[in-house]
Amino acid sequence: MKLKEPAIKAGVSNRHIHLSAEDIEILFGKGHQLTPIKDLGQPGQFACDEKVIIVGPKGSLTGIRVLGPARKATQIEVSRTDAFMLGIKPPIKDSGDHENTVGLTVVGPRGTIVLKSGVMLAKRHIHMTPEDSLVYGVKDKDIVMVYCKGDGTRKTIFDDVLIRVHPTYALEFHVDVDEANAAILNNNDPVYIIEEL
């Protein structure tokens, strides 16, 4: 197997919600501004102090972290394990693509919203700049395979990984917590784009 250098750091994504400005006010009160507590791997993105409850047909999950800043449309990213607990069947989608996604109820301290769509399993992807794309010989929307060795006991190849290129992105491989746990992969662990099997 031939790997492309240099390594790319992993970013493990737990369940979270992105909110529209309108939904922020419904859930947390008129004029409410999100409270950043930690910067995330991508520039301008941050974890917020605010949390919500999400409710599906079969169950609910508490303590769902809000990520900022506000977006055009509310989006919830869960793992397949979460989906089973909630009783929903969200599709695997690229962030921002809400077509044919599912909905659920979101409960905040000041109000409730009922989403008809926007809940998804996030597609595995790599963020990179145009300069990074030249280094790795890929372009926006390419699909690649990614190799990770985790702690060395469960080496894994992730197929169907989407390349996302934008000048503001930081180089990072995003995978959800279910897949990371299966591969024994932690935040900041090195992974590699596979050049040749």
C-alpha atoms as a PDB file:
ATOM      1  CA  MET A   1       0.000   0.000   0.000  1.00  0.00           C
ATOM      2  CA  LYS A   2       1.341   3.460  -0.942  1.00  0.00           C
ATOM      3  CA  LEU A   3       0.313   6.413   1.253  1.00  0.00           C
ATOM      4  CA  LYS A   4       0.387  10.120   0.471  1.00  0.00           C
ATOM      5  CA  GLU A   5       2.488  12.264   2.793  1.00  0.00           C
ATOM      6  CA  PRO A   6       2.274  14.201   4.989  1.00  0.00           C
ATOM      7  CA  ALA A   7      -0.194  12.709   7.485  1.00  0.00           C
ATOM      8  CA  ILE A   8      -3.512  14.449   8.144  1.00  0.00           C
ATOM      9  CA  LYS A   9      -4.843  14.851  11.669  1.00  0.00           C
ATOM     10  CA  ALA A  10      -8.168  13.257  12.578  1.00  0.00           C
ATOM     11  CA  GLY A  11     -11.087  15.182  14.047  1.00  0.00           C
ATOM     12  CA  VAL A  12     -13.679  12.985  15.727  1.00  0.00           C
ATOM     13  CA  SER A  13     -17.164  14.451  15.549  1.00  0.00           C
ATOM     14  CA  ASN A  14     -19.673  13.748  18.311  1.00  0.00           C
ATOM     15  CA  ARG A  15     -23.413  14.467  17.983  1.00  0.00           C
ATOM     16  CA  HIS A  16     -24.107  18.203  17.642  1.00  0.00           C
ATOM     17  CA  ILE A  17     -26.468  20.800  16.234  1.00  0.00           C
ATOM     18  CA  HIS A  18     -25.999  23.865  14.026  1.00  0.00           C
ATOM     19  CA  LEU A  19     -28.791  26.419  14.442  1.00  0.00           C
ATOM     20  CA  SER A  20     -30.246  29.128  12.248  1.00  0.00           C
ATOM     21  CA  ALA A  21     -30.524  32.609  13.789  1.00  0.00           C
ATOM     22  CA  GLU A  22     -34.314  32.224  13.881  1.00  0.00           C
ATOM     23  CA  ASP A  23     -34.139  28.889  15.711  1.00  0.00           C
ATOM     24  CA  ILE A  24     -31.605  30.254  18.216  1.00  0.00           C
ATOM     25  CA  GLU A  25     -34.180  32.843  19.280  1.00  0.00           C
ATOM     26  CA  ILE A  26     -36.978  30.271  19.489  1.00  0.00           C
ATOM     27  CA  LEU A  27     -34.924  27.880  21.625  1.00  0.00           C
ATOM     28  CA  PHE A  28     -33.045  30.377  23.813  1.00  0.00           C
ATOM     29  CA  GLY A  29     -35.057  33.596  23.717  1.00  0.00           C
ATOM     30  CA  LYS A  30     -35.351  36.720  21.596  1.00  0.00           C
ATOM     31  CA  GLY A  31     -32.028  38.439  20.962  1.00  0.00           C
ATOM     32  CA  HIS A  32     -29.992  35.550  22.356  1.00  0.00           C
ATOM     33  CA  GLN A  33     -26.375  35.339  21.206  1.00  0.00           C
ATOM     34  CA  LEU A  34     -24.458  32.063  21.255  1.00  0.00           C
ATOM     35  CA  THR A  35     -21.764  31.764  23.934  1.00  0.00           C
ATOM     36  CA  PRO A  36     -18.458  30.415  22.526  1.00  0.00           C
ATOM     37  CA  ILE A  37     -16.485  28.194  24.921  1.00  0.00           C
ATOM     38  CA  LYS A  38     -13.947  26.505  22.628  1.00  0.00           C
ATOM     39  CA  ASP A  39     -12.591  26.998  19.132  1.00  0.00           C
ATOM     40  CA  LEU A  40     -12.917  24.005  16.816  1.00  0.00           C
ATOM     41  CA  GLY A  41     -10.497  22.688  14.202  1.00  0.00           C
ATOM     42  CA  GLN A  42     -12.000  24.731  11.380  1.00  0.00           C
ATOM     43  CA  PRO A  43     -11.371  28.510  11.460  1.00  0.00           C
ATOM     44  CA  GLY A  44     -14.353  30.502  12.724  1.00  0.00           C
ATOM     45  CA  GLN A  45     -16.154  27.433  14.085  1.00  0.00           C
ATOM     46  CA  PHE A  46     -16.694  27.081  17.828  1.00  0.00           C
ATOM     47  CA  ALA A  47     -18.422  24.964  20.464  1.00  0.00           C
ATOM     48  CA  CYS A  48     -21.013  26.837  22.493  1.00  0.00           C
ATOM     49  CA  ASP A  49     -22.103  26.739  26.107  1.00  0.00           C
ATOM     50  CA  GLU A  50     -25.666  26.218  24.875  1.00  0.00           C
ATOM     51  CA  LYS A  51     -27.139  22.710  24.754  1.00  0.00           C
ATOM     52  CA  VAL A  52     -30.487  21.282  23.674  1.00  0.00           C
ATOM     53  CA  ILE A  53     -32.505  18.070  23.876  1.00  0.00           C
ATOM     54  CA  ILE A  54     -33.419  16.209  20.691  1.00  0.00           C
ATOM     55  CA  VAL A  55     -36.502  13.984  20.639  1.00  0.00           C
ATOM     56  CA  GLY A  56     -37.305  11.238  18.149  1.00  0.00           C
ATOM     57  CA  PRO A  57     -40.155   8.727  17.836  1.00  0.00           C
ATOM     58  CA  LYS A  58     -38.524   6.223  20.211  1.00  0.00           C
ATOM     59  CA  GLY A  59     -36.325   8.243  22.539  1.00  0.00           C
ATOM     60  CA  SER A  60     -34.443  11.429  23.303  1.00  0.00           C
ATOM     61  CA  LEU A  61     -30.860  12.584  23.800  1.00  0.00           C
ATOM     62  CA  THR A  62     -29.910  15.348  26.213  1.00  0.00           C
ATOM     63  CA  GLY A  63     -26.925  17.669  26.288  1.00  0.00           C
ATOM     64  CA  ILE A  64     -26.638  18.130  22.514  1.00  0.00           C
ATOM     65  CA  ARG A  65     -23.947  20.758  22.019  1.00  0.00           C
ATOM     66  CA  VAL A  66     -24.688  23.769  19.821  1.00  0.00           C
ATOM     67  CA  LEU A  67     -21.892  24.681  17.408  1.00  0.00           C
ATOM     68  CA  GLY A  68     -21.510  28.199  16.092  1.00  0.00           C
ATOM     69  CA  PRO A  69     -21.760  30.468  14.298  1.00  0.00           C
ATOM     70  CA  ALA A  70     -25.396  30.532  13.210  1.00  0.00           C
ATOM     71  CA  ARG A  71     -26.149  28.919   9.845  1.00  0.00           C
ATOM     72  CA  LYS A  72     -28.729  29.498   7.145  1.00  0.00           C
ATOM     73  CA  ALA A  73     -30.597  26.335   8.144  1.00  0.00           C
ATOM     74  CA  THR A  74     -30.637  24.197  11.273  1.00  0.00           C
ATOM     75  CA  GLN A  75     -28.755  20.896  10.936  1.00  0.00           C
ATOM     76  CA  ILE A  76     -28.232  18.003  13.353  1.00  0.00           C
ATOM     77  CA  GLU A  77     -25.445  15.462  12.934  1.00  0.00           C
ATOM     78  CA  VAL A  78     -25.793  12.193  14.842  1.00  0.00           C
ATOM     79  CA  SER A  79     -24.157   8.775  14.771  1.00  0.00           C
ATOM     80  CA  ARG A  80     -25.945   5.597  13.710  1.00  0.00           C
ATOM     81  CA  THR A  81     -26.061   4.523  17.365  1.00  0.00           C
ATOM     82  CA  ASP A  82     -27.817   7.800  18.206  1.00  0.00           C
ATOM     83  CA  ALA A  83     -30.253   7.246  15.347  1.00  0.00           C
ATOM     84  CA  PHE A  84     -31.227   3.825  16.707  1.00  0.00           C
ATOM     85  CA  MET A  85     -31.868   5.332  20.141  1.00  0.00           C
ATOM     86  CA  LEU A  86     -33.985   8.116  18.632  1.00  0.00           C
ATOM     87  CA  GLY A  87     -35.901   5.775  16.317  1.00  0.00           C
ATOM     88  CA  ILE A  88     -34.963   7.576  13.094  1.00  0.00           C
ATOM     89  CA  LYS A  89     -33.192   6.594   9.865  1.00  0.00           C
ATOM     90  CA  PRO A  90     -31.161   9.599   8.717  1.00  0.00           C
ATOM     91  CA  PRO A  91     -29.213   9.309   5.463  1.00  0.00           C
ATOM     92  CA  ILE A  92     -25.478   9.815   5.049  1.00  0.00           C
ATOM     93  CA  LYS A  93     -25.093  13.330   3.633  1.00  0.00           C
ATOM     94  CA  ASP A  94     -22.564  16.068   3.041  1.00  0.00           C
ATOM     95  CA  SER A  95     -22.972  18.990   5.434  1.00  0.00           C
ATOM     96  CA  GLY A  96     -25.507  21.501   4.135  1.00  0.00           C
ATOM     97  CA  ASP A  97     -27.289  19.019   1.864  1.00  0.00           C
ATOM     98  CA  HIS A  98     -30.674  18.596   3.538  1.00  0.00           C
ATOM     99  CA  GLU A  99     -32.456  16.947   0.625  1.00  0.00           C
ATOM    100  CA  ASN A 100     -34.240  13.744   1.719  1.00  0.00           C
ATOM    101  CA  THR A 101     -33.024  14.091   5.316  1.00  0.00           C
ATOM    102  CA  VAL A 102     -35.270  13.428   8.313  1.00  0.00           C
ATOM    103  CA  GLY A 103     -36.569  15.600  11.131  1.00  0.00           C
ATOM    104  CA  LEU A 104     -37.193  15.501  14.855  1.00  0.00           C
ATOM    105  CA  THR A 105     -38.074  17.793  17.763  1.00  0.00           C
ATOM    106  CA  VAL A 106     -35.532  20.111  19.400  1.00  0.00           C
ATOM    107  CA  VAL A 107     -36.192  21.367  22.935  1.00  0.00           C
ATOM    108  CA  GLY A 108     -34.398  24.377  24.370  1.00  0.00           C
ATOM    109  CA  PRO A 109     -34.782  26.266  27.662  1.00  0.00           C
ATOM    110  CA  ARG A 110     -37.167  28.832  26.146  1.00  0.00           C
ATOM    111  CA  GLY A 111     -38.927  27.010  23.315  1.00  0.00           C
ATOM    112  CA  THR A 112     -39.288  24.031  20.996  1.00  0.00           C
ATOM    113  CA  ILE A 113     -38.887  23.550  17.249  1.00  0.00           C
ATOM    114  CA  VAL A 114     -40.139  20.688  15.111  1.00  0.00           C
ATOM    115  CA  LEU A 115     -37.786  20.032  12.208  1.00  0.00           C
ATOM    116  CA  LYS A 116     -39.091  18.394   9.042  1.00  0.00           C
ATOM    117  CA  SER A 117     -35.547  17.823   7.755  1.00  0.00           C
ATOM    118  CA  GLY A 118     -31.888  18.492   8.534  1.00  0.00           C
ATOM    119  CA  VAL A 119     -30.935  15.405  10.566  1.00  0.00           C
ATOM    120  CA  MET A 120     -28.133  13.349   9.020  1.00  0.00           C
ATOM    121  CA  LEU A 121     -25.199  11.029   9.422  1.00  0.00           C
ATOM    122  CA  ALA A 122     -22.259  13.132   8.256  1.00  0.00           C
ATOM    123  CA  LYS A 123     -20.327  11.835   5.266  1.00  0.00           C
ATOM    124  CA  ARG A 124     -16.652  11.176   6.019  1.00  0.00           C
ATOM    125  CA  HIS A 125     -14.634  14.046   4.629  1.00  0.00           C
ATOM    126  CA  ILE A 126     -11.315  15.870   4.566  1.00  0.00           C
ATOM    127  CA  HIS A 127     -11.129  19.655   4.811  1.00  0.00           C
ATOM    128  CA  MET A 128      -8.215  21.255   2.986  1.00  0.00           C
ATOM    129  CA  THR A 129      -7.065  24.471   1.327  1.00  0.00           C
ATOM    130  CA  PRO A 130      -6.388  24.779  -2.418  1.00  0.00           C
ATOM    131  CA  GLU A 131      -2.665  24.638  -1.562  1.00  0.00           C
ATOM    132  CA  ASP A 132      -3.193  21.367   0.319  1.00  0.00           C
ATOM    133  CA  SER A 133      -5.105  19.939  -2.645  1.00  0.00           C
ATOM    134  CA  LEU A 134      -2.030  20.493  -4.828  1.00  0.00           C
ATOM    135  CA  VAL A 135       0.172  18.703  -2.298  1.00  0.00           C
ATOM    136  CA  TYR A 136      -2.124  15.664  -2.247  1.00  0.00           C
ATOM    137  CA  GLY A 137      -3.051  15.728  -5.934  1.00  0.00           C
ATOM    138  CA  VAL A 138      -6.804  15.923  -5.344  1.00  0.00           C
ATOM    139  CA  LYS A 139      -9.584  18.399  -6.059  1.00  0.00           C
ATOM    140  CA  ASP A 140     -12.845  19.497  -4.465  1.00  0.00           C
ATOM    141  CA  LYS A 141     -15.484  16.727  -4.347  1.00  0.00           C
ATOM    142  CA  ASP A 142     -12.994  13.954  -5.175  1.00  0.00           C
ATOM    143  CA  ILE A 143     -13.575  10.685  -3.336  1.00  0.00           C
ATOM    144  CA  VAL A 144     -10.563   8.994  -1.723  1.00  0.00           C
ATOM    145  CA  MET A 145      -9.667   6.180   0.667  1.00  0.00           C
ATOM    146  CA  VAL A 146      -8.064   6.952   4.012  1.00  0.00           C
ATOM    147  CA  TYR A 147      -5.822   4.680   6.095  1.00  0.00           C
ATOM    148  CA  CYS A 148      -5.486   4.901   9.858  1.00  0.00           C
ATOM    149  CA  LYS A 149      -3.664   2.632  12.260  1.00  0.00           C
ATOM    150  CA  GLY A 150      -5.261   4.000  15.453  1.00  0.00           C
ATOM    151  CA  ASP A 151      -3.362   2.432  18.344  1.00  0.00           C
ATOM    152  CA  GLY A 152      -2.028  -0.248  16.020  1.00  0.00           C
ATOM    153  CA  THR A 153      -4.457  -2.971  17.076  1.00  0.00           C
ATOM    154  CA  ARG A 154      -7.229  -2.232  14.597  1.00  0.00           C
ATOM    155  CA  LYS A 155      -5.842  -0.789  11.378  1.00  0.00           C
ATOM    156  CA  THR A 156      -8.665   0.563   9.227  1.00  0.00           C
ATOM    157  CA  ILE A 157      -9.279   1.777   5.682  1.00  0.00           C
ATOM    158  CA  PHE A 158     -12.127   4.266   5.283  1.00  0.00           C
ATOM    159  CA  ASP A 159     -13.579   4.275   1.772  1.00  0.00           C
ATOM    160  CA  ASP A 160     -15.851   6.916   0.211  1.00  0.00           C
ATOM    161  CA  VAL A 161     -14.154   9.922   1.875  1.00  0.00           C
ATOM    162  CA  LEU A 162     -15.151  13.263   0.345  1.00  0.00           C
ATOM    163  CA  ILE A 163     -12.548  15.950  -0.331  1.00  0.00           C
ATOM    164  CA  ARG A 164     -13.741  19.472   0.546  1.00  0.00           C
ATOM    165  CA  VAL A 165     -11.519  22.331  -0.642  1.00  0.00           C
ATOM    166  CA  HIS A 166     -11.865  25.960   0.424  1.00  0.00           C
ATOM    167  CA  PRO A 167      -9.350  28.741   1.185  1.00  0.00           C
ATOM    168  CA  THR A 168     -10.559  29.057   4.794  1.00  0.00           C
ATOM    169  CA  TYR A 169     -10.394  25.354   5.697  1.00  0.00           C
ATOM    170  CA  ALA A 170      -7.796  23.781   7.975  1.00  0.00           C
ATOM    171  CA  LEU A 171      -6.417  20.371   7.008  1.00  0.00           C
ATOM    172  CA  GLU A 172      -8.419  17.769   8.924  1.00  0.00           C
ATOM    173  CA  PHE A 173     -10.134  14.382   8.436  1.00  0.00           C
ATOM    174  CA  HIS A 174     -13.637  14.302   9.927  1.00  0.00           C
ATOM    175  CA  VAL A 175     -15.284  11.061  10.976  1.00  0.00           C
ATOM    176  CA  ASP A 176     -18.119  10.402  13.415  1.00  0.00           C
ATOM    177  CA  VAL A 177     -17.646   8.935  16.867  1.00  0.00           C
ATOM    178  CA  ASP A 178     -19.040   5.486  15.985  1.00  0.00           C
ATOM    179  CA  GLU A 179     -16.530   5.007  13.189  1.00  0.00           C
ATOM    180  CA  ALA A 180     -13.669   6.462  15.223  1.00  0.00           C
ATOM    181  CA  ASN A 181     -14.406   4.145  18.132  1.00  0.00           C
ATOM    182  CA  ALA A 182     -14.511   1.118  15.820  1.00  0.00           C
ATOM    183  CA  ALA A 183     -11.075   2.069  14.459  1.00  0.00           C
ATOM    184  CA  ILE A 184      -9.709   3.102  17.884  1.00  0.00           C
ATOM    185  CA  LEU A 185      -9.040   6.526  16.387  1.00  0.00           C
ATOM    186  CA  ASN A 186      -8.645   9.632  18.555  1.00  0.00           C
ATOM    187  CA  ASN A 187      -8.619  13.356  17.899  1.00  0.00           C
ATOM    188  CA  ASN A 188      -5.335  14.476  16.298  1.00  0.00           C
ATOM    189  CA  ASP A 189      -4.258  10.920  15.399  1.00  0.00           C
ATOM    190  CA  PRO A 190      -2.520  10.761  12.001  1.00  0.00           C
ATOM    191  CA  VAL A 191      -4.335   9.353   8.973  1.00  0.00           C
ATOM    192  CA  TYR A 192      -3.208   9.081   5.359  1.00  0.00           C
ATOM    193  CA  ILE A 193      -4.826   9.390   1.956  1.00  0.00           C
ATOM    194  CA  ILE A 194      -4.165   6.146   0.102  1.00  0.00           C
ATOM    195  CA  GLU A 195      -2.408   6.664  -3.203  1.00  0.00           C
ATOM    196  CA  GLU A 196      -2.331   3.017  -4.189  1.00  0.00           C
ATOM    197  CA  LEU A 197      -3.561  -0.174  -2.494  1.00  0.00           C
END
